[in-house]
């Protein structure tokens, strides 16, 4: 199973800046190993990036979407719009959507189902905050978000689970501390066992579970080569072509 390395640019890069990134990044792409690459730019850059990555092997992803295909939802983007523009993936349930935009598990589940029904591959984000971790509620939070997020989702093979401990996510703070490889591996193994209970052993084994939370070139090798970590959801470090490529190189060796 190939690794999945996804770049979440968040609210960064104009369309012009996005194209410049892709041009520079493609110059570096002489050896991406066993990794599937996904770029998730802002909505305004999707079309420009889609054209620039054509025939490059890079996949296009969006950072969010609405659960309806059309309607009176001012400012929203539908799954059909994403498909038409070339998206294959969409990030759903990111902690920033949960925290700043009050998205709950019920809403996120609607989006997951809508994405699957439209042929998109959702990257479902789950993870605990620092207070929950201190209170030893990590597993409770993960289990609750996973079960509710996947309710009625029978196409698990097209879902990517992203474990992102909220306390480790960098929001422009260079001092942000990621989870240790042990903490990350423990959570990923727990998620895989939950998937086995929800679905079956084969489905759990074949589902990609990736880590998000201050992944950078300095820690990518030890994090992304753990047995149950199948890739990374990269934030700030994906904004620079060289930095993002170094993370891909760190992950290309495969599981240890």
C-alpha atoms as a PDB file:
ATOM      1  CA  UNK A   1       0.000   0.000   0.000  1.00  0.00           C
ATOM      2  CA  UNK A   2       1.484   3.308  -1.085  1.00  0.00           C
ATOM      3  CA  UNK A   3       1.966   6.055   1.446  1.00  0.00           C
ATOM      4  CA  UNK A   4      -0.252   9.108   1.140  1.00  0.00           C
ATOM      5  CA  UNK A   5       1.424  12.469   1.659  1.00  0.00           C
ATOM      6  CA  UNK A   6      -1.091  15.322   1.496  1.00  0.00           C
ATOM      7  CA  UNK A   7      -0.317  19.039   1.559  1.00  0.00           C
ATOM      8  CA  UNK A   8      -2.913  21.164   3.358  1.00  0.00           C
ATOM      9  CA  UNK A   9      -2.145  24.746   2.405  1.00  0.00           C
ATOM     10  CA  UNK A  10      -4.999  26.095   4.533  1.00  0.00           C
ATOM     11  CA  UNK A  11      -5.708  29.785   3.757  1.00  0.00           C
ATOM     12  CA  UNK A  12      -2.410  30.383   1.997  1.00  0.00           C
ATOM     13  CA  UNK A  13      -1.285  31.045  -1.587  1.00  0.00           C
ATOM     14  CA  UNK A  14      -3.030  32.929  -4.359  1.00  0.00           C
ATOM     15  CA  UNK A  15      -3.628  31.141  -7.662  1.00  0.00           C
ATOM     16  CA  UNK A  16      -0.420  32.646  -9.050  1.00  0.00           C
ATOM     17  CA  UNK A  17       1.597  31.586  -6.012  1.00  0.00           C
ATOM     18  CA  UNK A  18       0.098  28.102  -6.229  1.00  0.00           C
ATOM     19  CA  UNK A  19       1.211  27.685  -9.839  1.00  0.00           C
ATOM     20  CA  UNK A  20       4.722  28.861  -8.978  1.00  0.00           C
ATOM     21  CA  UNK A  21       4.862  26.271  -6.183  1.00  0.00           C
ATOM     22  CA  UNK A  22       3.813  23.434  -8.500  1.00  0.00           C
ATOM     23  CA  UNK A  23       6.318  24.468 -11.185  1.00  0.00           C
ATOM     24  CA  UNK A  24       9.121  24.478  -8.618  1.00  0.00           C
ATOM     25  CA  UNK A  25       7.963  21.261  -6.970  1.00  0.00           C
ATOM     26  CA  UNK A  26       7.786  19.357 -10.251  1.00  0.00           C
ATOM     27  CA  UNK A  27      11.464  20.140 -10.811  1.00  0.00           C
ATOM     28  CA  UNK A  28      12.238  18.206  -7.626  1.00  0.00           C
ATOM     29  CA  UNK A  29      10.018  15.215  -8.390  1.00  0.00           C
ATOM     30  CA  UNK A  30      12.639  12.798  -9.664  1.00  0.00           C
ATOM     31  CA  UNK A  31      12.047  10.212  -6.949  1.00  0.00           C
ATOM     32  CA  UNK A  32       8.882  10.139  -4.874  1.00  0.00           C
ATOM     33  CA  UNK A  33       9.312   6.486  -3.955  1.00  0.00           C
ATOM     34  CA  UNK A  34       6.196   4.655  -2.816  1.00  0.00           C
ATOM     35  CA  UNK A  35       4.153   7.751  -2.025  1.00  0.00           C
ATOM     36  CA  UNK A  36       0.885   9.073  -3.470  1.00  0.00           C
ATOM     37  CA  UNK A  37       0.951  12.871  -3.435  1.00  0.00           C
ATOM     38  CA  UNK A  38      -2.039  15.141  -2.886  1.00  0.00           C
ATOM     39  CA  UNK A  39      -2.079  18.931  -2.975  1.00  0.00           C
ATOM     40  CA  UNK A  40      -4.997  20.649  -1.209  1.00  0.00           C
ATOM     41  CA  UNK A  41      -4.937  24.366  -2.068  1.00  0.00           C
ATOM     42  CA  UNK A  42      -7.618  26.973  -1.291  1.00  0.00           C
ATOM     43  CA  UNK A  43     -10.761  26.835  -3.439  1.00  0.00           C
ATOM     44  CA  UNK A  44      -9.586  29.819  -5.504  1.00  0.00           C
ATOM     45  CA  UNK A  45      -6.464  27.935  -6.605  1.00  0.00           C
ATOM     46  CA  UNK A  46      -8.036  24.559  -7.418  1.00  0.00           C
ATOM     47  CA  UNK A  47      -8.493  25.161 -11.133  1.00  0.00           C
ATOM     48  CA  UNK A  48      -5.017  26.620 -11.626  1.00  0.00           C
ATOM     49  CA  UNK A  49      -3.382  23.773  -9.709  1.00  0.00           C
ATOM     50  CA  UNK A  50      -5.501  21.177 -11.526  1.00  0.00           C
ATOM     51  CA  UNK A  51      -4.154  22.374 -14.877  1.00  0.00           C
ATOM     52  CA  UNK A  52      -0.578  22.582 -13.631  1.00  0.00           C
ATOM     53  CA  UNK A  53      -0.454  19.036 -12.171  1.00  0.00           C
ATOM     54  CA  UNK A  54      -2.048  17.350 -15.191  1.00  0.00           C
ATOM     55  CA  UNK A  55      -0.112  14.179 -16.124  1.00  0.00           C
ATOM     56  CA  UNK A  56       2.322  14.757 -13.234  1.00  0.00           C
ATOM     57  CA  UNK A  57       1.060  11.996 -10.937  1.00  0.00           C
ATOM     58  CA  UNK A  58       0.076  14.553  -8.287  1.00  0.00           C
ATOM     59  CA  UNK A  59      -3.538  14.315  -7.105  1.00  0.00           C
ATOM     60  CA  UNK A  60      -5.774  17.280  -6.332  1.00  0.00           C
ATOM     61  CA  UNK A  61      -7.697  17.678  -3.099  1.00  0.00           C
ATOM     62  CA  UNK A  62      -9.960  20.295  -1.537  1.00  0.00           C
ATOM     63  CA  UNK A  63      -9.918  21.470   2.075  1.00  0.00           C
ATOM     64  CA  UNK A  64     -13.666  21.261   2.680  1.00  0.00           C
ATOM     65  CA  UNK A  65     -17.061  20.973   0.951  1.00  0.00           C
ATOM     66  CA  UNK A  66     -20.809  21.103   1.518  1.00  0.00           C
ATOM     67  CA  UNK A  67     -22.842  17.888   1.765  1.00  0.00           C
ATOM     68  CA  UNK A  68     -25.419  18.930  -0.858  1.00  0.00           C
ATOM     69  CA  UNK A  69     -24.784  18.851  -4.613  1.00  0.00           C
ATOM     70  CA  UNK A  70     -26.554  22.182  -5.193  1.00  0.00           C
ATOM     71  CA  UNK A  71     -28.852  24.628  -3.472  1.00  0.00           C
ATOM     72  CA  UNK A  72     -29.265  27.918  -1.639  1.00  0.00           C
ATOM     73  CA  UNK A  73     -26.045  27.713   0.371  1.00  0.00           C
ATOM     74  CA  UNK A  74     -24.290  31.013  -0.258  1.00  0.00           C
ATOM     75  CA  UNK A  75     -20.518  30.735  -0.149  1.00  0.00           C
ATOM     76  CA  UNK A  76     -20.427  26.943  -0.186  1.00  0.00           C
ATOM     77  CA  UNK A  77     -18.830  24.485  -2.630  1.00  0.00           C
ATOM     78  CA  UNK A  78     -20.475  21.196  -3.617  1.00  0.00           C
ATOM     79  CA  UNK A  79     -18.845  17.788  -4.197  1.00  0.00           C
ATOM     80  CA  UNK A  80     -19.908  17.882  -7.854  1.00  0.00           C
ATOM     81  CA  UNK A  81     -18.066  21.178  -8.303  1.00  0.00           C
ATOM     82  CA  UNK A  82     -14.942  19.626  -6.812  1.00  0.00           C
ATOM     83  CA  UNK A  83     -15.181  16.567  -9.054  1.00  0.00           C
ATOM     84  CA  UNK A  84     -15.634  18.675 -12.180  1.00  0.00           C
ATOM     85  CA  UNK A  85     -12.537  20.723 -11.433  1.00  0.00           C
ATOM     86  CA  UNK A  86     -10.421  17.584 -10.985  1.00  0.00           C
ATOM     87  CA  UNK A  87     -10.427  16.846  -7.256  1.00  0.00           C
ATOM     88  CA  UNK A  88      -9.950  13.255  -6.126  1.00  0.00           C
ATOM     89  CA  UNK A  89      -9.662  13.942  -2.394  1.00  0.00           C
ATOM     90  CA  UNK A  90     -11.287  16.272   0.130  1.00  0.00           C
ATOM     91  CA  UNK A  91     -10.248  17.002   3.722  1.00  0.00           C
ATOM     92  CA  UNK A  92     -13.210  16.743   6.114  1.00  0.00           C
ATOM     93  CA  UNK A  93     -13.505  17.330   9.851  1.00  0.00           C
ATOM     94  CA  UNK A  94     -10.210  19.174  10.226  1.00  0.00           C
ATOM     95  CA  UNK A  95      -9.794  20.408  13.783  1.00  0.00           C
ATOM     96  CA  UNK A  96      -9.857  24.017  12.592  1.00  0.00           C
ATOM     97  CA  UNK A  97     -13.265  23.403  10.975  1.00  0.00           C
ATOM     98  CA  UNK A  98     -14.472  21.815  14.189  1.00  0.00           C
ATOM     99  CA  UNK A  99     -13.118  24.562  16.440  1.00  0.00           C
ATOM    100  CA  UNK A 100     -13.538  27.778  14.458  1.00  0.00           C
ATOM    101  CA  UNK A 101     -16.613  26.888  12.393  1.00  0.00           C
ATOM    102  CA  UNK A 102     -18.434  24.725  14.941  1.00  0.00           C
ATOM    103  CA  UNK A 103     -18.645  21.667  12.693  1.00  0.00           C
ATOM    104  CA  UNK A 104     -19.847  18.673  14.693  1.00  0.00           C
ATOM    105  CA  UNK A 105     -19.637  14.947  13.996  1.00  0.00           C
ATOM    106  CA  UNK A 106     -23.132  14.820  12.510  1.00  0.00           C
ATOM    107  CA  UNK A 107     -22.318  17.471   9.909  1.00  0.00           C
ATOM    108  CA  UNK A 108     -18.949  15.924   9.150  1.00  0.00           C
ATOM    109  CA  UNK A 109     -20.600  12.535   8.641  1.00  0.00           C
ATOM    110  CA  UNK A 110     -22.998  14.039   6.085  1.00  0.00           C
ATOM    111  CA  UNK A 111     -19.986  15.382   4.212  1.00  0.00           C
ATOM    112  CA  UNK A 112     -18.194  12.023   4.331  1.00  0.00           C
ATOM    113  CA  UNK A 113     -21.223  10.242   2.872  1.00  0.00           C
ATOM    114  CA  UNK A 114     -21.710  12.929   0.221  1.00  0.00           C
ATOM    115  CA  UNK A 115     -18.042  12.720  -0.783  1.00  0.00           C
ATOM    116  CA  UNK A 116     -18.181   8.944  -1.154  1.00  0.00           C
ATOM    117  CA  UNK A 117     -21.423   9.104  -3.125  1.00  0.00           C
ATOM    118  CA  UNK A 118     -19.799  11.613  -5.482  1.00  0.00           C
ATOM    119  CA  UNK A 119     -16.680   9.539  -6.045  1.00  0.00           C
ATOM    120  CA  UNK A 120     -14.405  11.669  -3.886  1.00  0.00           C
ATOM    121  CA  UNK A 121     -12.042  10.178  -1.309  1.00  0.00           C
ATOM    122  CA  UNK A 122     -12.560  11.876   2.058  1.00  0.00           C
ATOM    123  CA  UNK A 123      -9.613  12.449   4.376  1.00  0.00           C
ATOM    124  CA  UNK A 124     -11.479  12.258   7.687  1.00  0.00           C
ATOM    125  CA  UNK A 125      -9.630  14.096  10.471  1.00  0.00           C
ATOM    126  CA  UNK A 126      -9.987  13.014  14.090  1.00  0.00           C
ATOM    127  CA  UNK A 127      -8.045  13.793  17.233  1.00  0.00           C
ATOM    128  CA  UNK A 128      -8.096  15.049  20.799  1.00  0.00           C
ATOM    129  CA  UNK A 129      -7.156  18.441  22.247  1.00  0.00           C
ATOM    130  CA  UNK A 130      -4.666  18.942  25.065  1.00  0.00           C
ATOM    131  CA  UNK A 131      -7.270  19.092  27.841  1.00  0.00           C
ATOM    132  CA  UNK A 132      -8.771  15.804  26.668  1.00  0.00           C
ATOM    133  CA  UNK A 133      -5.348  14.198  26.533  1.00  0.00           C
ATOM    134  CA  UNK A 134      -4.453  15.342  30.061  1.00  0.00           C
ATOM    135  CA  UNK A 135      -7.754  13.912  31.268  1.00  0.00           C
ATOM    136  CA  UNK A 136      -6.819  10.610  29.589  1.00  0.00           C
ATOM    137  CA  UNK A 137      -9.772  10.831  27.215  1.00  0.00           C
ATOM    138  CA  UNK A 138      -7.739  10.412  24.026  1.00  0.00           C
ATOM    139  CA  UNK A 139      -9.146   7.006  23.098  1.00  0.00           C
ATOM    140  CA  UNK A 140     -12.698   8.033  24.000  1.00  0.00           C
ATOM    141  CA  UNK A 141     -12.489  11.083  21.725  1.00  0.00           C
ATOM    142  CA  UNK A 142     -10.931   9.141  18.857  1.00  0.00           C
ATOM    143  CA  UNK A 143     -13.505   6.364  19.089  1.00  0.00           C
ATOM    144  CA  UNK A 144     -16.439   8.776  19.293  1.00  0.00           C
ATOM    145  CA  UNK A 145     -15.302  10.894  16.336  1.00  0.00           C
ATOM    146  CA  UNK A 146     -14.435   7.854  14.219  1.00  0.00           C
ATOM    147  CA  UNK A 147     -17.695   5.974  14.782  1.00  0.00           C
ATOM    148  CA  UNK A 148     -19.847   9.068  14.249  1.00  0.00           C
ATOM    149  CA  UNK A 149     -17.832  10.254  11.266  1.00  0.00           C
ATOM    150  CA  UNK A 150     -18.101   6.891   9.490  1.00  0.00           C
ATOM    151  CA  UNK A 151     -21.754   6.177  10.271  1.00  0.00           C
ATOM    152  CA  UNK A 152     -23.419   4.599   7.210  1.00  0.00           C
ATOM    153  CA  UNK A 153     -20.136   4.711   5.287  1.00  0.00           C
ATOM    154  CA  UNK A 154     -19.813   1.323   3.620  1.00  0.00           C
ATOM    155  CA  UNK A 155     -17.004   2.248   1.206  1.00  0.00           C
ATOM    156  CA  UNK A 156     -14.222   2.403   3.768  1.00  0.00           C
ATOM    157  CA  UNK A 157     -11.619   1.463   1.144  1.00  0.00           C
ATOM    158  CA  UNK A 158     -12.034   4.981  -0.304  1.00  0.00           C
ATOM    159  CA  UNK A 159     -11.654   6.730   3.067  1.00  0.00           C
ATOM    160  CA  UNK A 160      -8.384   8.003   4.515  1.00  0.00           C
ATOM    161  CA  UNK A 161      -8.267   8.560   8.283  1.00  0.00           C
ATOM    162  CA  UNK A 162      -6.037  11.388   9.489  1.00  0.00           C
ATOM    163  CA  UNK A 163      -5.102  11.350  13.153  1.00  0.00           C
ATOM    164  CA  UNK A 164      -4.299  14.920  14.115  1.00  0.00           C
ATOM    165  CA  UNK A 165      -3.842  15.607  17.819  1.00  0.00           C
ATOM    166  CA  UNK A 166      -5.080  19.178  18.101  1.00  0.00           C
ATOM    167  CA  UNK A 167      -2.375  20.042  20.624  1.00  0.00           C
ATOM    168  CA  UNK A 168       0.335  19.179  18.092  1.00  0.00           C
ATOM    169  CA  UNK A 169      -0.996  21.108  15.092  1.00  0.00           C
ATOM    170  CA  UNK A 170       1.086  24.067  14.053  1.00  0.00           C
ATOM    171  CA  UNK A 171      -0.850  27.260  13.398  1.00  0.00           C
ATOM    172  CA  UNK A 172       2.075  29.396  12.401  1.00  0.00           C
ATOM    173  CA  UNK A 173       3.860  28.717  15.686  1.00  0.00           C
ATOM    174  CA  UNK A 174       7.306  27.303  14.966  1.00  0.00           C
ATOM    175  CA  UNK A 175       7.618  26.113  18.571  1.00  0.00           C
ATOM    176  CA  UNK A 176       4.606  23.789  18.280  1.00  0.00           C
ATOM    177  CA  UNK A 177       5.540  20.299  19.464  1.00  0.00           C
ATOM    178  CA  UNK A 178       4.425  17.266  17.453  1.00  0.00           C
ATOM    179  CA  UNK A 179       3.432  13.965  18.966  1.00  0.00           C
ATOM    180  CA  UNK A 180       6.334  11.601  19.547  1.00  0.00           C
ATOM    181  CA  UNK A 181       6.584   8.624  17.229  1.00  0.00           C
ATOM    182  CA  UNK A 182       5.405   6.429  20.099  1.00  0.00           C
ATOM    183  CA  UNK A 183       2.357   8.583  20.838  1.00  0.00           C
ATOM    184  CA  UNK A 184       1.437   8.732  17.162  1.00  0.00           C
ATOM    185  CA  UNK A 185       1.926   5.003  16.582  1.00  0.00           C
ATOM    186  CA  UNK A 186      -0.156   4.140  19.637  1.00  0.00           C
ATOM    187  CA  UNK A 187      -3.070   6.253  18.380  1.00  0.00           C
ATOM    188  CA  UNK A 188      -2.832   4.840  14.863  1.00  0.00           C
ATOM    189  CA  UNK A 189      -2.838   1.268  16.138  1.00  0.00           C
ATOM    190  CA  UNK A 190      -5.901   2.063  18.261  1.00  0.00           C
ATOM    191  CA  UNK A 191      -7.680   3.499  15.225  1.00  0.00           C
ATOM    192  CA  UNK A 192      -6.841   0.423  13.154  1.00  0.00           C
ATOM    193  CA  UNK A 193      -8.278  -1.846  15.840  1.00  0.00           C
ATOM    194  CA  UNK A 194     -11.438   0.285  15.922  1.00  0.00           C
ATOM    195  CA  UNK A 195     -11.774  -0.051  12.145  1.00  0.00           C
ATOM    196  CA  UNK A 196     -11.426  -3.793  12.489  1.00  0.00           C
ATOM    197  CA  UNK A 197     -14.347  -3.779  14.918  1.00  0.00           C
ATOM    198  CA  UNK A 198     -16.487  -1.479  12.771  1.00  0.00           C
ATOM    199  CA  UNK A 199     -15.725  -3.286   9.510  1.00  0.00           C
ATOM    200  CA  UNK A 200     -13.354  -6.274   9.362  1.00  0.00           C
ATOM    201  CA  UNK A 201      -9.659  -7.142   9.577  1.00  0.00           C
ATOM    202  CA  UNK A 202      -9.058  -6.802   5.827  1.00  0.00           C
ATOM    203  CA  UNK A 203     -10.701  -3.387   5.640  1.00  0.00           C
ATOM    204  CA  UNK A 204      -8.774  -2.168   8.671  1.00  0.00           C
ATOM    205  CA  UNK A 205      -5.490  -3.346   7.186  1.00  0.00           C
ATOM    206  CA  UNK A 206      -6.154  -1.715   3.819  1.00  0.00           C
ATOM    207  CA  UNK A 207      -7.357   1.645   5.162  1.00  0.00           C
ATOM    208  CA  UNK A 208      -4.693   4.329   5.113  1.00  0.00           C
ATOM    209  CA  UNK A 209      -4.300   6.073   8.468  1.00  0.00           C
ATOM    210  CA  UNK A 210      -2.069   9.126   8.218  1.00  0.00           C
ATOM    211  CA  UNK A 211      -0.625  11.495  10.810  1.00  0.00           C
ATOM    212  CA  UNK A 212      -1.106  15.260  10.909  1.00  0.00           C
ATOM    213  CA  UNK A 213       0.439  17.554  13.491  1.00  0.00           C
ATOM    214  CA  UNK A 214       3.588  19.613  12.866  1.00  0.00           C
ATOM    215  CA  UNK A 215       5.105  17.157  10.398  1.00  0.00           C
ATOM    216  CA  UNK A 216       8.351  18.644   9.109  1.00  0.00           C
ATOM    217  CA  UNK A 217      11.566  17.388   7.448  1.00  0.00           C
ATOM    218  CA  UNK A 218      13.267  17.035  10.834  1.00  0.00           C
ATOM    219  CA  UNK A 219      10.745  14.540  12.254  1.00  0.00           C
ATOM    220  CA  UNK A 220       9.175  13.026   9.129  1.00  0.00           C
ATOM    221  CA  UNK A 221      11.373   9.949   8.941  1.00  0.00           C
ATOM    222  CA  UNK A 222      10.705   8.723  12.474  1.00  0.00           C
ATOM    223  CA  UNK A 223       6.984   9.540  12.338  1.00  0.00           C
ATOM    224  CA  UNK A 224       6.091   8.361   8.846  1.00  0.00           C
ATOM    225  CA  UNK A 225       7.981   5.080   8.999  1.00  0.00           C
ATOM    226  CA  UNK A 226       6.146   3.655  11.985  1.00  0.00           C
ATOM    227  CA  UNK A 227       4.261   0.426  11.304  1.00  0.00           C
ATOM    228  CA  UNK A 228       0.712   1.797  11.467  1.00  0.00           C
ATOM    229  CA  UNK A 229       1.351   5.270  10.043  1.00  0.00           C
ATOM    230  CA  UNK A 230       0.579   5.274   6.321  1.00  0.00           C
ATOM    231  CA  UNK A 231       1.524   8.822   5.462  1.00  0.00           C
ATOM    232  CA  UNK A 232       1.132  12.406   6.555  1.00  0.00           C
ATOM    233  CA  UNK A 233      -1.184  15.402   6.370  1.00  0.00           C
ATOM    234  CA  UNK A 234       1.310  18.250   6.173  1.00  0.00           C
ATOM    235  CA  UNK A 235       0.451  21.860   6.992  1.00  0.00           C
ATOM    236  CA  UNK A 236       3.031  24.661   7.258  1.00  0.00           C
ATOM    237  CA  UNK A 237       5.890  22.527   5.977  1.00  0.00           C
ATOM    238  CA  UNK A 238       3.999  21.909   2.720  1.00  0.00           C
ATOM    239  CA  UNK A 239       4.047  25.586   1.794  1.00  0.00           C
ATOM    240  CA  UNK A 240       7.666  25.376   0.635  1.00  0.00           C
ATOM    241  CA  UNK A 241       8.444  23.019  -2.281  1.00  0.00           C
ATOM    242  CA  UNK A 242      11.814  21.914  -0.927  1.00  0.00           C
ATOM    243  CA  UNK A 243      10.503  21.301   2.584  1.00  0.00           C
ATOM    244  CA  UNK A 244       7.538  19.298   1.294  1.00  0.00           C
ATOM    245  CA  UNK A 245       9.771  17.236  -0.974  1.00  0.00           C
ATOM    246  CA  UNK A 246      12.137  16.438   1.905  1.00  0.00           C
ATOM    247  CA  UNK A 247       9.186  15.042   3.856  1.00  0.00           C
ATOM    248  CA  UNK A 248       8.264  12.836   0.896  1.00  0.00           C
ATOM    249  CA  UNK A 249      11.819  11.551   0.670  1.00  0.00           C
ATOM    250  CA  UNK A 250      11.804  10.774   4.383  1.00  0.00           C
ATOM    251  CA  UNK A 251       8.696   8.631   3.956  1.00  0.00           C
ATOM    252  CA  UNK A 252       9.687   6.791   0.791  1.00  0.00           C
ATOM    253  CA  UNK A 253      11.618   4.020   2.523  1.00  0.00           C
ATOM    254  CA  UNK A 254       8.497   2.193   3.671  1.00  0.00           C
ATOM    255  CA  UNK A 255       7.514   0.763   7.038  1.00  0.00           C
ATOM    256  CA  UNK A 256      10.219  -0.342   9.431  1.00  0.00           C
END
